[in-house]
Amino acid sequence: MKKITALLLSLITALSLTLSGCSGAQSDLTPVTLSEVAHSIFYAPQYAAIELGYFEEEGIDLTVVNSGGADKVMTSLISGDAQIGFMGSEASIYVYAEGAEDYVINFSQLTQRAGNFLVSRQPIENFDWSDLAGSLVLGGRKGGMPQMVFEYILKKNGLDPAADLTIDQSISFGLTAAAFPGSDADFTVEFEPYATLLEQEGSGYVVASLGEASGYVPYTAYSAQKSYMESHPDIIQGFTNAIQKGMDYVNSHTAQEIASVIAPQFPETDEATIAVIVERYLAQDTWKNDTVFEESSFDLLQSILEEAGELAERVPYDKLVTTQYAEKAAGK
């Protein structure tokens, strides 16, 4: 519990600070602010790109701000506080559906599976999703990808999220791990490093991967407002190139090598733990080989939104997704 509390304090402090990929801005680099949904080892290719200097190679002086939630990332884009956002693409769908003229376009997909895990208070051998029947689970924000994917999995396994179990959505994003040990909950849904830290402290046991259970889902992507993309195509291309290089790195190196590179991004977590977490993500095929956001993935995302009751009418793929930058970065 002490580890999780210390980690939470560190991350809360980080919300008011920025993380930069280089020690000092160079005059020939273009400043770009990236607002990220969370600061997580789940996004290892991004941090590899930062630590290996790939953004500088593309002429970008990158500042990363942890906004703590997709809704806050979207706010930072609309307000102009950030030029590029990194979040679940459902946020871009919501904004477009509301009639925004300068809507947000997704140009590069990073993860292809959910990155969270189901943690049980008690060890369960041969876990089955039916084990959740009648239980209390600490869940995520309504309308957010973590919660919607969780409900999608429950339905796939014959469970009614509203009737067959109780999902507590009252706890703020990122605070469920700290709340779990002292709560009445039987399970909690956690991102890393919290899932592993709960195990290490003997407060919980990882019994299932939501990434494996849900299948391939376009979980997180990079996006920018339409006006910014139209006026700065070179920045969007350079940014995508850097992410592709980071993707290439994690897909061609061991968990230990990756952990060694990205460790400076996670000073509150020891390198051995980072390696364990990276290996867990590698094993479930978390990261794509390229960053192209396929139409089939966008269709699946909208199906998940519909099932969650968050989408009244589908929006057009060709309006909210462009693949030209990702295809060029991948050499297609």
Protein backbone atom coordinates (compact mmCIF):
# COMPACT_ATOMS: atom_id res chain seq x y z
CA MET A 1 0.00 0.00 0.00
CA LYS A 2 2.90 2.36 0.78
CA LYS A 3 4.29 1.88 -2.72
CA ILE A 4 0.97 2.73 -4.35
CA THR A 5 0.44 5.77 -2.11
CA ALA A 6 3.94 7.04 -2.90
CA LEU A 7 3.38 6.44 -6.58
CA LEU A 8 0.07 8.30 -6.52
CA LEU A 9 1.64 11.29 -4.79
CA SER A 10 4.37 11.32 -7.42
CA LEU A 11 1.88 11.19 -10.28
CA ILE A 12 -0.41 13.82 -8.77
CA THR A 13 2.58 16.13 -8.51
CA ALA A 14 3.41 15.35 -12.13
CA LEU A 15 0.01 16.62 -13.24
CA SER A 16 1.21 20.15 -12.59
CA LEU A 17 4.56 19.61 -14.27
CA THR A 18 5.69 18.72 -17.76
CA LEU A 19 7.93 15.95 -18.97
CA SER A 20 10.33 16.86 -21.72
CA GLY A 21 12.20 14.50 -24.02
CA CYS A 22 15.34 16.61 -23.99
CA SER A 23 17.27 18.54 -21.35
CA GLY A 24 17.02 21.88 -23.11
CA ALA A 25 15.17 23.25 -26.12
CA GLN A 26 17.21 23.76 -29.28
CA SER A 27 16.53 26.83 -31.41
CA ASP A 28 16.13 24.79 -34.59
CA LEU A 29 13.42 22.56 -33.10
CA THR A 30 9.69 23.30 -33.24
CA PRO A 31 7.99 23.26 -29.81
CA VAL A 32 5.05 20.84 -29.61
CA THR A 33 2.96 20.05 -26.54
CA LEU A 34 1.49 16.56 -26.28
CA SER A 35 -1.37 16.04 -23.83
CA GLU A 36 -1.50 12.39 -22.76
CA VAL A 37 -4.43 10.60 -21.17
CA ALA A 38 -2.19 8.98 -18.54
CA HIS A 39 1.49 8.38 -17.90
CA SER A 40 1.75 4.61 -18.18
CA ILE A 41 4.19 1.90 -19.20
CA PHE A 42 1.33 0.81 -21.46
CA TYR A 43 2.58 3.53 -23.82
CA ALA A 44 6.19 2.31 -23.95
CA PRO A 45 6.75 3.09 -27.67
CA GLN A 46 6.10 6.78 -27.00
CA TYR A 47 8.58 6.91 -24.13
CA ALA A 48 11.16 4.96 -26.09
CA ALA A 49 10.83 7.55 -28.86
CA ILE A 50 11.36 10.33 -26.30
CA GLU A 51 14.35 8.76 -24.57
CA LEU A 52 16.05 7.69 -27.81
CA GLY A 53 15.80 11.20 -29.27
CA TYR A 54 13.50 10.34 -32.16
CA PHE A 55 11.44 13.52 -31.79
CA GLU A 56 14.56 15.69 -31.97
CA GLU A 57 15.58 13.78 -35.10
CA GLU A 58 12.27 14.89 -36.60
CA GLY A 59 12.82 18.53 -35.61
CA ILE A 60 10.41 18.50 -32.66
CA ASP A 61 11.03 19.83 -29.14
CA LEU A 62 8.36 17.77 -27.36
CA THR A 63 6.77 18.63 -24.04
CA VAL A 64 4.47 15.98 -22.55
CA VAL A 65 1.70 16.90 -20.13
CA ASN A 66 -0.19 14.22 -18.21
CA SER A 67 -3.78 15.44 -18.32
CA GLY A 68 -5.30 12.51 -16.43
CA GLY A 69 -8.26 11.48 -18.59
CA ALA A 70 -9.49 11.68 -22.19
CA ASP A 71 -11.98 14.42 -21.39
CA LYS A 72 -9.16 16.61 -20.07
CA VAL A 73 -6.96 15.82 -23.08
CA MET A 74 -9.75 16.96 -25.38
CA THR A 75 -10.16 20.16 -23.38
CA SER A 76 -6.45 20.91 -23.76
CA LEU A 77 -6.70 20.48 -27.54
CA ILE A 78 -9.76 22.67 -27.92
CA SER A 79 -8.27 25.36 -25.68
CA GLY A 80 -4.99 25.34 -27.61
CA ASP A 81 -2.92 24.37 -24.58
CA ALA A 82 -1.74 21.31 -26.52
CA GLN A 83 -1.26 20.72 -30.23
CA ILE A 84 -1.46 16.91 -30.16
CA GLY A 85 -3.61 14.71 -27.95
CA PHE A 86 -3.13 11.08 -26.97
CA MET A 87 -6.28 9.34 -25.75
CA GLY A 88 -9.02 6.91 -26.60
CA SER A 89 -10.58 7.86 -29.94
CA GLU A 90 -14.06 7.80 -28.46
CA ALA A 91 -13.44 11.40 -27.35
CA SER A 92 -13.03 12.53 -30.96
CA ILE A 93 -16.30 10.80 -31.87
CA TYR A 94 -18.17 12.56 -29.06
CA VAL A 95 -16.90 15.99 -30.14
CA TYR A 96 -17.73 15.42 -33.81
CA ALA A 97 -21.20 14.10 -32.93
CA GLU A 98 -21.84 17.31 -30.99
CA GLY A 99 -21.37 19.31 -34.20
CA ALA A 100 -17.93 20.85 -33.66
CA GLU A 101 -16.59 22.52 -36.82
CA ASP A 102 -12.92 22.32 -35.88
CA TYR A 103 -13.17 18.71 -34.78
CA VAL A 104 -10.32 16.38 -33.81
CA ILE A 105 -8.83 13.93 -36.32
CA ASN A 106 -7.01 10.71 -35.40
CA PHE A 107 -3.79 10.25 -37.36
CA SER A 108 -1.78 7.55 -35.58
CA GLN A 109 -2.85 4.51 -33.53
CA LEU A 110 -0.48 3.26 -30.80
CA THR A 111 -2.13 0.39 -28.92
CA GLN A 112 -4.28 -2.40 -30.32
CA ARG A 113 -5.38 -4.00 -27.06
CA ALA A 114 -6.73 -2.79 -23.75
CA GLY A 115 -3.94 -2.17 -21.25
CA ASN A 116 -5.68 -2.90 -17.98
CA PHE A 117 -6.04 -6.01 -15.86
CA LEU A 118 -8.63 -7.49 -13.54
CA VAL A 119 -7.25 -7.73 -10.01
CA SER A 120 -8.96 -9.99 -7.46
CA ARG A 121 -8.81 -9.67 -3.69
CA GLN A 122 -8.31 -13.43 -3.48
CA PRO A 123 -6.27 -15.73 -5.75
CA ILE A 124 -8.47 -17.56 -8.27
CA GLU A 125 -7.24 -20.58 -10.18
CA ASN A 126 -8.68 -21.03 -13.67
CA PHE A 127 -10.53 -17.72 -13.54
CA ASP A 128 -13.65 -17.42 -15.67
CA TRP A 129 -15.53 -14.18 -16.29
CA SER A 130 -18.62 -15.80 -14.80
CA ASP A 131 -16.78 -15.56 -11.46
CA LEU A 132 -17.74 -11.88 -11.45
CA ALA A 133 -21.44 -12.66 -11.03
CA GLY A 134 -22.70 -11.13 -7.79
CA SER A 135 -19.42 -9.33 -7.10
CA LEU A 136 -18.50 -5.70 -6.44
CA VAL A 137 -15.93 -4.27 -8.89
CA LEU A 138 -14.14 -0.92 -8.86
CA GLY A 139 -14.59 0.28 -12.44
CA GLY A 140 -13.90 3.30 -14.65
CA ARG A 141 -15.55 6.52 -15.77
CA LYS A 142 -18.83 6.19 -17.70
CA GLY A 143 -18.18 6.71 -21.40
CA GLY A 144 -14.44 6.15 -21.11
CA MET A 145 -12.62 3.36 -22.96
CA PRO A 146 -11.59 1.37 -19.84
CA GLN A 147 -15.17 1.08 -18.63
CA MET A 148 -16.69 0.48 -22.07
CA VAL A 149 -14.22 -2.28 -22.92
CA PHE A 150 -14.86 -3.88 -19.53
CA GLU A 151 -18.60 -3.89 -20.21
CA TYR A 152 -17.96 -5.19 -23.74
CA ILE A 153 -16.06 -8.15 -22.26
CA LEU A 154 -18.79 -8.84 -19.71
CA LYS A 155 -21.42 -8.94 -22.45
CA LYS A 156 -19.23 -11.22 -24.59
CA ASN A 157 -19.20 -13.61 -21.64
CA GLY A 158 -22.94 -13.54 -21.02
CA LEU A 159 -22.98 -11.07 -18.13
CA ASP A 160 -25.26 -8.05 -17.84
CA PRO A 161 -23.09 -5.21 -16.43
CA ALA A 162 -26.12 -3.58 -14.82
CA ALA A 163 -27.83 -6.66 -13.37
CA ASP A 164 -25.30 -9.45 -12.75
CA LEU A 165 -22.71 -7.50 -10.74
CA THR A 166 -22.16 -4.11 -9.13
CA ILE A 167 -19.64 -1.72 -10.70
CA ASP A 168 -18.54 1.19 -8.51
CA GLN A 169 -17.72 4.16 -10.77
CA SER A 170 -17.51 6.76 -8.00
CA ILE A 171 -13.71 6.75 -7.60
CA SER A 172 -11.62 9.13 -9.70
CA PHE A 173 -9.37 7.89 -12.49
CA GLY A 174 -6.09 6.52 -11.17
CA LEU A 175 -7.19 6.30 -7.53
CA THR A 176 -8.89 2.89 -7.53
CA ALA A 177 -5.70 0.99 -6.68
CA ALA A 178 -5.19 3.02 -3.53
CA ALA A 179 -8.85 2.60 -2.59
CA PHE A 180 -9.06 -1.14 -3.28
CA PRO A 181 -7.26 -2.60 -0.20
CA GLY A 182 -9.54 -0.76 2.25
CA SER A 183 -12.75 -1.15 0.26
CA ASP A 184 -15.43 -3.84 0.17
CA ALA A 185 -14.75 -4.55 -3.51
CA ASP A 186 -14.01 -8.07 -4.67
CA PHE A 187 -12.21 -6.92 -7.83
CA THR A 188 -10.69 -3.81 -9.35
CA VAL A 189 -9.76 -2.98 -12.94
CA GLU A 190 -6.24 -1.53 -13.02
CA PHE A 191 -3.64 -0.23 -15.43
CA GLU A 192 0.03 -0.81 -14.82
CA PRO A 193 2.00 -0.31 -12.70
CA TYR A 194 -0.86 -0.47 -10.19
CA ALA A 195 -1.88 -4.06 -11.01
CA THR A 196 1.66 -5.32 -10.44
CA LEU A 197 2.15 -3.18 -7.32
CA LEU A 198 -1.03 -4.59 -5.77
CA GLU A 199 0.37 -8.07 -6.38
CA GLN A 200 3.77 -7.18 -4.95
CA GLU A 201 2.16 -5.79 -1.80
CA GLY A 202 -0.08 -8.83 -1.37
CA SER A 203 -3.22 -6.71 -1.73
CA GLY A 204 -4.50 -8.32 -4.91
CA TYR A 205 -3.94 -10.90 -7.63
CA VAL A 206 -4.05 -10.36 -11.39
CA VAL A 207 -6.52 -12.93 -12.68
CA ALA A 208 -7.27 -11.71 -16.22
CA SER A 209 -6.06 -9.38 -18.96
CA LEU A 210 -8.75 -7.17 -20.46
CA GLY A 211 -6.53 -6.86 -23.53
CA GLU A 212 -6.61 -10.59 -24.15
CA ALA A 213 -10.31 -10.90 -23.31
CA SER A 214 -11.47 -8.07 -25.57
CA GLY A 215 -9.35 -8.93 -28.60
CA TYR A 216 -7.88 -6.27 -30.87
CA VAL A 217 -9.37 -2.89 -30.00
CA PRO A 218 -8.13 0.57 -31.11
CA TYR A 219 -7.55 1.63 -27.53
CA THR A 220 -5.42 4.77 -27.87
CA ALA A 221 -4.43 7.05 -30.75
CA TYR A 222 -2.86 10.43 -31.46
CA SER A 223 -5.04 13.24 -32.72
CA ALA A 224 -5.08 16.95 -33.47
CA GLN A 225 -7.64 19.54 -34.41
CA LYS A 226 -8.48 19.76 -38.10
CA SER A 227 -7.16 23.33 -38.35
CA TYR A 228 -3.80 22.42 -36.79
CA MET A 229 -3.31 19.44 -39.09
CA GLU A 230 -4.10 21.54 -42.15
CA SER A 231 -1.60 24.24 -41.17
CA HIS A 232 1.15 21.99 -39.78
CA PRO A 233 1.30 18.79 -41.87
CA ASP A 234 5.09 18.65 -41.48
CA ILE A 235 4.77 18.53 -37.69
CA ILE A 236 2.14 15.79 -37.85
CA GLN A 237 4.36 13.77 -40.19
CA GLY A 238 7.47 14.25 -38.07
CA PHE A 239 5.58 13.30 -34.91
CA THR A 240 4.22 10.16 -36.58
CA ASN A 241 7.69 9.25 -37.85
CA ALA A 242 9.05 9.44 -34.30
CA ILE A 243 6.25 7.26 -32.91
CA GLN A 244 6.86 4.69 -35.67
CA LYS A 245 10.54 4.57 -34.71
CA GLY A 246 9.53 4.00 -31.09
CA MET A 247 7.15 1.27 -32.22
CA ASP A 248 9.92 -0.38 -34.23
CA TYR A 249 12.17 -0.30 -31.18
CA VAL A 250 9.78 -2.02 -28.76
CA ASN A 251 8.85 -4.62 -31.35
CA SER A 252 12.49 -5.59 -31.89
CA HIS A 253 13.95 -5.52 -28.36
CA THR A 254 13.55 -7.48 -25.14
CA ALA A 255 11.49 -6.37 -22.18
CA GLN A 256 14.67 -5.72 -20.19
CA GLU A 257 16.16 -3.58 -22.97
CA ILE A 258 12.95 -1.58 -23.29
CA ALA A 259 12.74 -1.15 -19.51
CA SER A 260 16.29 0.18 -19.41
CA VAL A 261 15.47 2.79 -22.06
CA ILE A 262 12.17 4.05 -20.62
CA ALA A 263 13.14 3.84 -16.92
CA PRO A 264 13.89 7.61 -16.68
CA GLN A 265 10.22 8.24 -17.49
CA PHE A 266 9.16 6.22 -14.42
CA PRO A 267 11.54 7.13 -11.57
CA GLU A 268 8.98 5.94 -9.01
CA THR A 269 9.13 2.36 -10.37
CA ASP A 270 12.24 0.16 -10.23
CA GLU A 271 13.60 -1.14 -13.52
CA ALA A 272 12.95 -4.80 -12.69
CA THR A 273 9.25 -4.06 -12.16
CA ILE A 274 9.12 -2.06 -15.40
CA ALA A 275 10.57 -5.09 -17.23
CA VAL A 276 7.91 -7.39 -15.74
CA ILE A 277 5.18 -5.02 -16.88
CA VAL A 278 6.65 -4.57 -20.37
CA GLU A 279 6.89 -8.35 -20.75
CA ARG A 280 3.22 -8.66 -19.80
CA TYR A 281 2.31 -6.17 -22.52
CA LEU A 282 4.57 -7.80 -25.10
CA ALA A 283 3.03 -11.20 -24.37
CA GLN A 284 -0.47 -9.97 -25.21
CA ASP A 285 0.61 -8.27 -28.46
CA THR A 286 -0.24 -4.80 -27.21
CA TRP A 287 1.53 -2.68 -29.82
CA LYS A 288 0.96 -2.59 -33.55
CA ASN A 289 3.74 -2.95 -36.12
CA ASP A 290 2.64 0.34 -37.68
CA THR A 291 0.41 3.20 -36.56
CA VAL A 292 -2.20 2.97 -39.34
CA PHE A 293 -5.71 3.31 -37.89
CA GLU A 294 -7.72 0.88 -40.03
CA GLU A 295 -11.39 1.37 -40.84
CA SER A 296 -12.27 -2.04 -39.38
CA SER A 297 -10.83 -0.92 -36.05
CA PHE A 298 -12.83 2.30 -36.14
CA ASP A 299 -16.00 0.31 -36.88
CA LEU A 300 -15.30 -1.94 -33.88
CA LEU A 301 -14.80 1.11 -31.68
CA GLN A 302 -18.17 2.50 -32.73
CA SER A 303 -19.80 -0.88 -32.04
CA ILE A 304 -18.40 -0.77 -28.50
CA LEU A 305 -19.75 2.76 -28.06
CA GLU A 306 -23.18 1.70 -29.33
CA GLU A 307 -23.31 -1.29 -26.97
CA ALA A 308 -22.40 1.01 -24.09
CA GLY A 309 -25.26 3.36 -25.03
CA GLU A 310 -22.83 6.22 -25.76
CA LEU A 311 -23.42 6.63 -29.50
CA ALA A 312 -26.78 7.45 -31.06
CA GLU A 313 -25.53 7.65 -34.65
CA ARG A 314 -22.33 6.47 -36.33
CA VAL A 315 -19.83 9.03 -37.60
CA PRO A 316 -17.81 8.76 -40.85
CA TYR A 317 -14.38 7.14 -40.69
CA ASP A 318 -12.95 9.37 -43.42
CA LYS A 319 -13.81 12.47 -41.42
CA LEU A 320 -12.23 11.43 -38.13
CA VAL A 321 -9.30 9.30 -39.29
CA THR A 322 -6.48 9.97 -41.72
CA THR A 323 -3.87 7.32 -42.51
CA GLN A 324 -1.58 9.27 -44.84
CA TYR A 325 0.97 10.16 -42.17
CA ALA A 326 1.09 6.68 -40.63
CA GLU A 327 1.38 5.01 -44.03
CA LYS A 328 4.27 7.28 -45.01
CA ALA A 329 6.01 6.69 -41.67
CA ALA A 330 5.70 2.93 -42.18
CA GLY A 331 6.95 3.13 -45.75
CA LYS A 332 3.65 2.02 -47.28
